[in-house]
Amino acid sequence: LQLVESGGGLVQPGGSLRLSCTASGFTMDYYAMGW
């Protein structure tokens, strides 16, 4: 089971970001996912 986050960075106040967490090695459907 592996989780890899991406999408972080430097952003100005008021800006937006979308972080991603990609899973491998397991069927994510049955898991609770937390940030």
All heavy atoms as atom14 arrays in JSON, in Angstrom:
{
  "sequence": "LQLVESGGGLVQPGGSLRLSCTASGFTMDYYAMGW",
  "atom14_mask": [
    [1, 1, 1, 1, 1, 1, 1, 1, 0, 0, 0, 0, 0, 0],
    [1, 1, 1, 1, 1, 1, 1, 1, 1, 0, 0, 0, 0, 0],
    [1, 1, 1, 1, 1, 1, 1, 1, 0, 0, 0, 0, 0, 0],
    [1, 1, 1, 1, 1, 1, 1, 0, 0, 0, 0, 0, 0, 0],
    [1, 1, 1, 1, 1, 1, 1, 1, 1, 0, 0, 0, 0, 0],
    [1, 1, 1, 1, 1, 1, 0, 0, 0, 0, 0, 0, 0, 0],
    [1, 1, 1, 1, 0, 0, 0, 0, 0, 0, 0, 0, 0, 0],
    [1, 1, 1, 1, 0, 0, 0, 0, 0, 0, 0, 0, 0, 0],
    [1, 1, 1, 1, 0, 0, 0, 0, 0, 0, 0, 0, 0, 0],
    [1, 1, 1, 1, 1, 1, 1, 1, 0, 0, 0, 0, 0, 0],
    [1, 1, 1, 1, 1, 1, 1, 0, 0, 0, 0, 0, 0, 0],
    [1, 1, 1, 1, 1, 1, 1, 1, 1, 0, 0, 0, 0, 0],
    [1, 1, 1, 1, 1, 1, 1, 0, 0, 0, 0, 0, 0, 0],
    [1, 1, 1, 1, 0, 0, 0, 0, 0, 0, 0, 0, 0, 0],
    [1, 1, 1, 1, 0, 0, 0, 0, 0, 0, 0, 0, 0, 0],
    [1, 1, 1, 1, 1, 1, 0, 0, 0, 0, 0, 0, 0, 0],
    [1, 1, 1, 1, 1, 1, 1, 1, 0, 0, 0, 0, 0, 0],
    [1, 1, 1, 1, 1, 1, 1, 1, 1, 1, 1, 0, 0, 0],
    [1, 1, 1, 1, 1, 1, 1, 1, 0, 0, 0, 0, 0, 0],
    [1, 1, 1, 1, 1, 1, 0, 0, 0, 0, 0, 0, 0, 0],
    [1, 1, 1, 1, 1, 1, 0, 0, 0, 0, 0, 0, 0, 0],
    [1, 1, 1, 1, 1, 1, 1, 0, 0, 0, 0, 0, 0, 0],
    [1, 1, 1, 1, 1, 0, 0, 0, 0, 0, 0, 0, 0, 0],
    [1, 1, 1, 1, 1, 1, 0, 0, 0, 0, 0, 0, 0, 0],
    [1, 1, 1, 1, 0, 0, 0, 0, 0, 0, 0, 0, 0, 0],
    [1, 1, 1, 1, 1, 1, 1, 1, 1, 1, 1, 0, 0, 0],
    [1, 1, 1, 1, 1, 1, 1, 0, 0, 0, 0, 0, 0, 0],
    [1, 1, 1, 1, 1, 1, 1, 1, 0, 0, 0, 0, 0, 0],
    [1, 1, 1, 1, 1, 1, 1, 1, 0, 0, 0, 0, 0, 0],
    [1, 1, 1, 1, 1, 1, 1, 1, 1, 1, 1, 1, 0, 0],
    [1, 1, 1, 1, 1, 1, 1, 1, 1, 1, 1, 1, 0, 0],
    [1, 1, 1, 1, 1, 0, 0, 0, 0, 0, 0, 0, 0, 0],
    [1, 1, 1, 1, 1, 1, 1, 1, 0, 0, 0, 0, 0, 0],
    [1, 1, 1, 1, 0, 0, 0, 0, 0, 0, 0, 0, 0, 0],
    [1, 1, 1, 1, 1, 1, 1, 1, 1, 1, 1, 1, 1, 1]
  ],
  "atom14_positions": [
    [[0.84, -1.2, 0.0], [0.0, 0.0, 0.0], [0.87, 1.24, 0.0], [1.78, 1.37, 0.81], [-0.9, -0.02, 1.24], [-2.03, 0.99, 1.33], [-3.12, 0.43, 2.22], [-1.56, 2.33, 1.86], [0.0, 0.0, 0.0], [0.0, 0.0, 0.0], [0.0, 0.0, 0.0], [0.0, 0.0, 0.0], [0.0, 0.0, 0.0], [0.0, 0.0, 0.0]],
    [[0.58, 2.16, -0.92], [1.37, 3.38, -1.02], [0.47, 4.56, -1.34], [-0.47, 4.44, -2.12], [2.43, 3.23, -2.1], [3.5, 4.3, -2.09], [4.64, 3.98, -3.05], [4.51, 3.16, -3.94], [5.76, 4.64, -2.85], [0.0, 0.0, 0.0], [0.0, 0.0, 0.0], [0.0, 0.0, 0.0], [0.0, 0.0, 0.0], [0.0, 0.0, 0.0]],
    [[0.78, 5.7, -0.73], [0.06, 6.94, -0.99], [1.07, 8.01, -1.37], [2.1, 8.16, -0.69], [-0.71, 7.4, 0.26], [-1.79, 6.45, 0.79], [-2.27, 6.91, 2.15], [-2.95, 6.37, -0.19], [0.0, 0.0, 0.0], [0.0, 0.0, 0.0], [0.0, 0.0, 0.0], [0.0, 0.0, 0.0], [0.0, 0.0, 0.0], [0.0, 0.0, 0.0]],
    [[0.79, 8.75, -2.42], [1.7, 9.8, -2.87], [0.91, 11.09, -3.06], [0.0, 11.14, -3.89], [2.4, 9.41, -4.19], [3.31, 10.55, -4.64], [3.19, 8.13, -4.01], [0.0, 0.0, 0.0], [0.0, 0.0, 0.0], [0.0, 0.0, 0.0], [0.0, 0.0, 0.0], [0.0, 0.0, 0.0], [0.0, 0.0, 0.0], [0.0, 0.0, 0.0]],
    [[1.28, 12.11, -2.28], [0.63, 13.41, -2.41], [1.36, 14.27, -3.43], [2.57, 14.13, -3.63], [0.62, 14.17, -1.07], [-0.1, 13.48, 0.06], [0.84, 12.72, 0.96], [1.91, 12.32, 0.47], [0.52, 12.53, 2.15], [0.0, 0.0, 0.0], [0.0, 0.0, 0.0], [0.0, 0.0, 0.0], [0.0, 0.0, 0.0], [0.0, 0.0, 0.0]],
    [[0.62, 15.18, -4.03], [1.21, 16.15, -4.95], [0.31, 17.38, -4.99], [-0.81, 17.36, -4.49], [1.36, 15.55, -6.35], [0.1, 15.18, -6.88], [0.0, 0.0, 0.0], [0.0, 0.0, 0.0], [0.0, 0.0, 0.0], [0.0, 0.0, 0.0], [0.0, 0.0, 0.0], [0.0, 0.0, 0.0], [0.0, 0.0, 0.0], [0.0, 0.0, 0.0]],
    [[0.84, 18.44, -5.6], [0.03, 19.63, -5.8], [0.34, 20.78, -4.86], [-0.24, 21.87, -5.0], [0.0, 0.0, 0.0], [0.0, 0.0, 0.0], [0.0, 0.0, 0.0], [0.0, 0.0, 0.0], [0.0, 0.0, 0.0], [0.0, 0.0, 0.0], [0.0, 0.0, 0.0], [0.0, 0.0, 0.0], [0.0, 0.0, 0.0], [0.0, 0.0, 0.0]],
    [[1.22, 20.57, -3.91], [1.57, 21.65, -3.0], [2.43, 22.7, -3.68], [2.87, 22.53, -4.82], [0.0, 0.0, 0.0], [0.0, 0.0, 0.0], [0.0, 0.0, 0.0], [0.0, 0.0, 0.0], [0.0, 0.0, 0.0], [0.0, 0.0, 0.0], [0.0, 0.0, 0.0], [0.0, 0.0, 0.0], [0.0, 0.0, 0.0], [0.0, 0.0, 0.0]],
    [[2.66, 23.79, -2.97], [3.5, 24.84, -3.53], [3.36, 26.14, -2.77], [2.75, 26.18, -1.69], [0.0, 0.0, 0.0], [0.0, 0.0, 0.0], [0.0, 0.0, 0.0], [0.0, 0.0, 0.0], [0.0, 0.0, 0.0], [0.0, 0.0, 0.0], [0.0, 0.0, 0.0], [0.0, 0.0, 0.0], [0.0, 0.0, 0.0], [0.0, 0.0, 0.0]],
    [[3.89, 27.17, -3.36], [3.81, 28.52, -2.8], [2.67, 29.26, -3.47], [2.6, 29.32, -4.7], [5.13, 29.26, -3.03], [5.17, 30.74, -2.64], [4.98, 30.89, -1.13], [6.5, 31.37, -3.08], [0.0, 0.0, 0.0], [0.0, 0.0, 0.0], [0.0, 0.0, 0.0], [0.0, 0.0, 0.0], [0.0, 0.0, 0.0], [0.0, 0.0, 0.0]],
    [[1.79, 29.82, -2.67], [0.63, 30.52, -3.22], [0.37, 31.77, -2.4], [0.66, 31.81, -1.2], [-0.6, 29.58, -3.24], [-1.0, 29.19, -1.84], [-1.76, 30.21, -3.98], [0.0, 0.0, 0.0], [0.0, 0.0, 0.0], [0.0, 0.0, 0.0], [0.0, 0.0, 0.0], [0.0, 0.0, 0.0], [0.0, 0.0, 0.0], [0.0, 0.0, 0.0]],
    [[-0.15, 32.78, -3.04], [-0.47, 34.02, -2.33], [-1.76, 33.88, -1.54], [-2.63, 33.07, -1.89], [-0.6, 35.15, -3.33], [0.72, 35.54, -4.0], [0.58, 36.77, -4.88], [-0.51, 37.16, -5.25], [1.7, 37.38, -5.21], [0.0, 0.0, 0.0], [0.0, 0.0, 0.0], [0.0, 0.0, 0.0], [0.0, 0.0, 0.0], [0.0, 0.0, 0.0]],
    [[-1.9, 34.66, -0.5], [-3.17, 34.65, 0.25], [-4.36, 34.91, -0.68], [-4.29, 35.77, -1.57], [-2.99, 35.79, 1.25], [-1.52, 35.87, 1.46], [-0.91, 35.57, 0.11], [0.0, 0.0, 0.0], [0.0, 0.0, 0.0], [0.0, 0.0, 0.0], [0.0, 0.0, 0.0], [0.0, 0.0, 0.0], [0.0, 0.0, 0.0], [0.0, 0.0, 0.0]],
    [[-5.39, 34.15, -0.45], [-6.57, 34.26, -1.3], [-6.56, 33.31, -2.48], [-7.58, 33.15, -3.17], [0.0, 0.0, 0.0], [0.0, 0.0, 0.0], [0.0, 0.0, 0.0], [0.0, 0.0, 0.0], [0.0, 0.0, 0.0], [0.0, 0.0, 0.0], [0.0, 0.0, 0.0], [0.0, 0.0, 0.0], [0.0, 0.0, 0.0], [0.0, 0.0, 0.0]],
    [[-5.44, 32.68, -2.73], [-5.31, 31.76, -3.84], [-5.9, 30.39, -3.55], [-6.45, 30.15, -2.47], [0.0, 0.0, 0.0], [0.0, 0.0, 0.0], [0.0, 0.0, 0.0], [0.0, 0.0, 0.0], [0.0, 0.0, 0.0], [0.0, 0.0, 0.0], [0.0, 0.0, 0.0], [0.0, 0.0, 0.0], [0.0, 0.0, 0.0], [0.0, 0.0, 0.0]],
    [[-5.77, 29.51, -4.53], [-6.32, 28.16, -4.43], [-5.29, 27.12, -4.83], [-4.38, 27.41, -5.63], [-7.54, 28.02, -5.33], [-8.57, 28.89, -4.95], [0.0, 0.0, 0.0], [0.0, 0.0, 0.0], [0.0, 0.0, 0.0], [0.0, 0.0, 0.0], [0.0, 0.0, 0.0], [0.0, 0.0, 0.0], [0.0, 0.0, 0.0], [0.0, 0.0, 0.0]],
    [[-5.46, 25.94, -4.31], [-4.65, 24.79, -4.69], [-5.54, 23.56, -4.69], [-6.52, 23.5, -3.94], [-3.5, 24.56, -3.7], [-2.26, 25.44, -3.79], [-1.33, 25.1, -2.63], [-1.54, 25.25, -5.12], [0.0, 0.0, 0.0], [0.0, 0.0, 0.0], [0.0, 0.0, 0.0], [0.0, 0.0, 0.0], [0.0, 0.0, 0.0], [0.0, 0.0, 0.0]],
    [[-5.16, 22.58, -5.5], [-5.79, 21.28, -5.41], [-4.7, 20.24, -5.17], [-3.83, 20.03, -6.02], [-6.59, 20.92, -6.66], [-7.42, 19.65, -6.45], [-8.29, 19.29, -7.62], [-7.56, 18.68, -8.71], [-8.13, 17.94, -9.67], [-9.44, 17.75, -9.66], [-7.4, 17.44, -10.64], [0.0, 0.0, 0.0], [0.0, 0.0, 0.0], [0.0, 0.0, 0.0]],
    [[-4.78, 19.65, -4.0], [-3.84, 18.59, -3.65], [-4.41, 17.25, -4.09], [-5.62, 17.03, -4.01], [-3.57, 18.58, -2.15], [-3.14, 19.9, -1.52], [-2.83, 19.68, -0.04], [-1.96, 20.51, -2.25], [0.0, 0.0, 0.0], [0.0, 0.0, 0.0], [0.0, 0.0, 0.0], [0.0, 0.0, 0.0], [0.0, 0.0, 0.0], [0.0, 0.0, 0.0]],
    [[-3.52, 16.38, -4.54], [-3.92, 15.04, -4.95], [-3.2, 14.01, -4.1], [-2.06, 14.21, -3.68], [-3.57, 14.81, -6.42], [-4.24, 15.73, -7.26], [0.0, 0.0, 0.0], [0.0, 0.0, 0.0], [0.0, 0.0, 0.0], [0.0, 0.0, 0.0], [0.0, 0.0, 0.0], [0.0, 0.0, 0.0], [0.0, 0.0, 0.0], [0.0, 0.0, 0.0]],
    [[-3.87, 12.92, -3.88], [-3.28, 11.79, -3.18], [-3.6, 10.54, -4.0], [-4.76, 10.14, -4.08], [-3.85, 11.68, -1.77], [-3.38, 10.18, -0.89], [0.0, 0.0, 0.0], [0.0, 0.0, 0.0], [0.0, 0.0, 0.0], [0.0, 0.0, 0.0], [0.0, 0.0, 0.0], [0.0, 0.0, 0.0], [0.0, 0.0, 0.0], [0.0, 0.0, 0.0]],
    [[-2.58, 9.98, -4.6], [-2.78, 8.81, -5.47], [-2.35, 7.55, -4.75], [-1.27, 7.49, -4.17], [-1.98, 8.98, -6.77], [-2.4, 10.18, -7.42], [-2.22, 7.8, -7.7], [0.0, 0.0, 0.0], [0.0, 0.0, 0.0], [0.0, 0.0, 0.0], [0.0, 0.0, 0.0], [0.0, 0.0, 0.0], [0.0, 0.0, 0.0], [0.0, 0.0, 0.0]],
    [[-3.24, 6.58, -4.79], [-3.03, 5.33, -4.07], [-2.58, 4.22, -5.0], [-2.95, 4.19, -6.18], [-4.31, 4.92, -3.36], [0.0, 0.0, 0.0], [0.0, 0.0, 0.0], [0.0, 0.0, 0.0], [0.0, 0.0, 0.0], [0.0, 0.0, 0.0], [0.0, 0.0, 0.0], [0.0, 0.0, 0.0], [0.0, 0.0, 0.0], [0.0, 0.0, 0.0]],
    [[-1.81, 3.32, -4.47], [-1.41, 2.12, -5.22], [-1.27, 0.97, -4.24], [-1.04, 1.18, -3.05], [-0.11, 2.35, -5.99], [0.95, 2.63, -5.1], [0.0, 0.0, 0.0], [0.0, 0.0, 0.0], [0.0, 0.0, 0.0], [0.0, 0.0, 0.0], [0.0, 0.0, 0.0], [0.0, 0.0, 0.0], [0.0, 0.0, 0.0], [0.0, 0.0, 0.0]],
    [[-1.46, -0.23, -4.76], [-1.26, -1.41, -3.94], [-2.48, -1.84, -3.14], [-2.41, -2.8, -2.38], [0.0, 0.0, 0.0], [0.0, 0.0, 0.0], [0.0, 0.0, 0.0], [0.0, 0.0, 0.0], [0.0, 0.0, 0.0], [0.0, 0.0, 0.0], [0.0, 0.0, 0.0], [0.0, 0.0, 0.0], [0.0, 0.0, 0.0], [0.0, 0.0, 0.0]],
    [[-3.6, -1.12, -3.29], [-4.8, -1.52, -2.58], [-6.02, -0.94, -3.29], [-5.91, -0.02, -4.1], [-4.77, -1.07, -1.11], [-4.86, 0.42, -0.92], [-6.03, 1.01, -0.44], [-3.78, 1.24, -1.2], [-6.1, 2.39, -0.24], [-3.84, 2.61, -1.01], [-5.01, 3.19, -0.52], [0.0, 0.0, 0.0], [0.0, 0.0, 0.0], [0.0, 0.0, 0.0]],
    [[-7.18, -1.49, -2.96], [-8.44, -1.01, -3.53], [-8.99, 0.09, -2.65], [-9.52, -0.15, -1.57], [-9.46, -2.16, -3.64], [-8.9, -3.21, -4.43], [-10.74, -1.65, -4.3], [0.0, 0.0, 0.0], [0.0, 0.0, 0.0], [0.0, 0.0, 0.0], [0.0, 0.0, 0.0], [0.0, 0.0, 0.0], [0.0, 0.0, 0.0], [0.0, 0.0, 0.0]],
    [[-8.84, 1.3, -3.13], [-9.17, 2.47, -2.31], [-10.65, 2.57, -1.97], [-11.03, 3.18, -0.98], [-8.73, 3.74, -3.05], [-8.64, 4.98, -2.2], [-8.08, 6.41, -3.12], [-9.51, 6.75, -4.12], [0.0, 0.0, 0.0], [0.0, 0.0, 0.0], [0.0, 0.0, 0.0], [0.0, 0.0, 0.0], [0.0, 0.0, 0.0], [0.0, 0.0, 0.0]],
    [[-11.49, 1.93, -2.78], [-12.94, 2.06, -2.63], [-13.42, 1.78, -1.22], [-14.39, 2.38, -0.76], [-13.66, 1.08, -3.57], [-13.19, 1.18, -5.0], [-11.98, 1.34, -5.21], [-14.01, 1.07, -5.91], [0.0, 0.0, 0.0], [0.0, 0.0, 0.0], [0.0, 0.0, 0.0], [0.0, 0.0, 0.0], [0.0, 0.0, 0.0], [0.0, 0.0, 0.0]],
    [[-12.77, 0.88, -0.52], [-13.28, 0.42, 0.77], [-12.63, 1.13, 1.95], [-12.94, 0.84, 3.1], [-13.07, -1.08, 0.9], [-13.65, -1.86, -0.25], [-12.84, -2.51, -1.18], [-15.03, -1.92, -0.45], [-13.37, -3.2, -2.24], [-15.57, -2.61, -1.51], [-14.74, -3.25, -2.41], [-15.27, -3.93, -3.47], [0.0, 0.0, 0.0], [0.0, 0.0, 0.0]],
    [[-11.76, 2.05, 1.68], [-10.99, 2.7, 2.72], [-11.53, 4.09, 3.05], [-11.98, 4.82, 2.18], [-9.54, 2.88, 2.3], [-8.7, 1.61, 2.38], [-8.97, 0.53, 1.56], [-7.65, 1.52, 3.28], [-8.2, -0.62, 1.63], [-6.87, 0.38, 3.36], [-7.16, -0.68, 2.53], [-6.4, -1.82, 2.61], [0.0, 0.0, 0.0], [0.0, 0.0, 0.0]],
    [[-11.46, 4.43, 4.34], [-11.65, 5.82, 4.72], [-10.37, 6.57, 4.38], [-9.26, 6.07, 4.62], [-11.94, 5.94, 6.21], [0.0, 0.0, 0.0], [0.0, 0.0, 0.0], [0.0, 0.0, 0.0], [0.0, 0.0, 0.0], [0.0, 0.0, 0.0], [0.0, 0.0, 0.0], [0.0, 0.0, 0.0], [0.0, 0.0, 0.0], [0.0, 0.0, 0.0]],
    [[-10.53, 7.75, 3.81], [-9.38, 8.56, 3.44], [-9.41, 9.86, 4.23], [-10.47, 10.49, 4.36], [-9.41, 8.88, 1.94], [-9.47, 7.65, 1.05], [-8.01, 6.6, 1.18], [-6.73, 7.69, 0.54], [0.0, 0.0, 0.0], [0.0, 0.0, 0.0], [0.0, 0.0, 0.0], [0.0, 0.0, 0.0], [0.0, 0.0, 0.0], [0.0, 0.0, 0.0]],
    [[-8.28, 10.26, 4.75], [-8.22, 11.48, 5.54], [-7.13, 12.41, 5.06], [-6.12, 11.97, 4.52], [0.0, 0.0, 0.0], [0.0, 0.0, 0.0], [0.0, 0.0, 0.0], [0.0, 0.0, 0.0], [0.0, 0.0, 0.0], [0.0, 0.0, 0.0], [0.0, 0.0, 0.0], [0.0, 0.0, 0.0], [0.0, 0.0, 0.0], [0.0, 0.0, 0.0]],
    [[-7.36, 13.68, 5.26], [-6.32, 14.7, 5.03], [-5.98, 15.32, 6.38], [-6.87, 15.71, 7.15], [-6.79, 15.79, 4.08], [-6.71, 15.42, 2.63], [-7.73, 14.98, 1.83], [-5.55, 15.45, 1.81], [-7.26, 14.74, 0.57], [-5.93, 15.03, 0.52], [-4.22, 15.81, 2.01], [-5.03, 14.95, -0.56], [-3.33, 15.73, 0.96], [-3.73, 15.3, -0.32]]
  ]
}
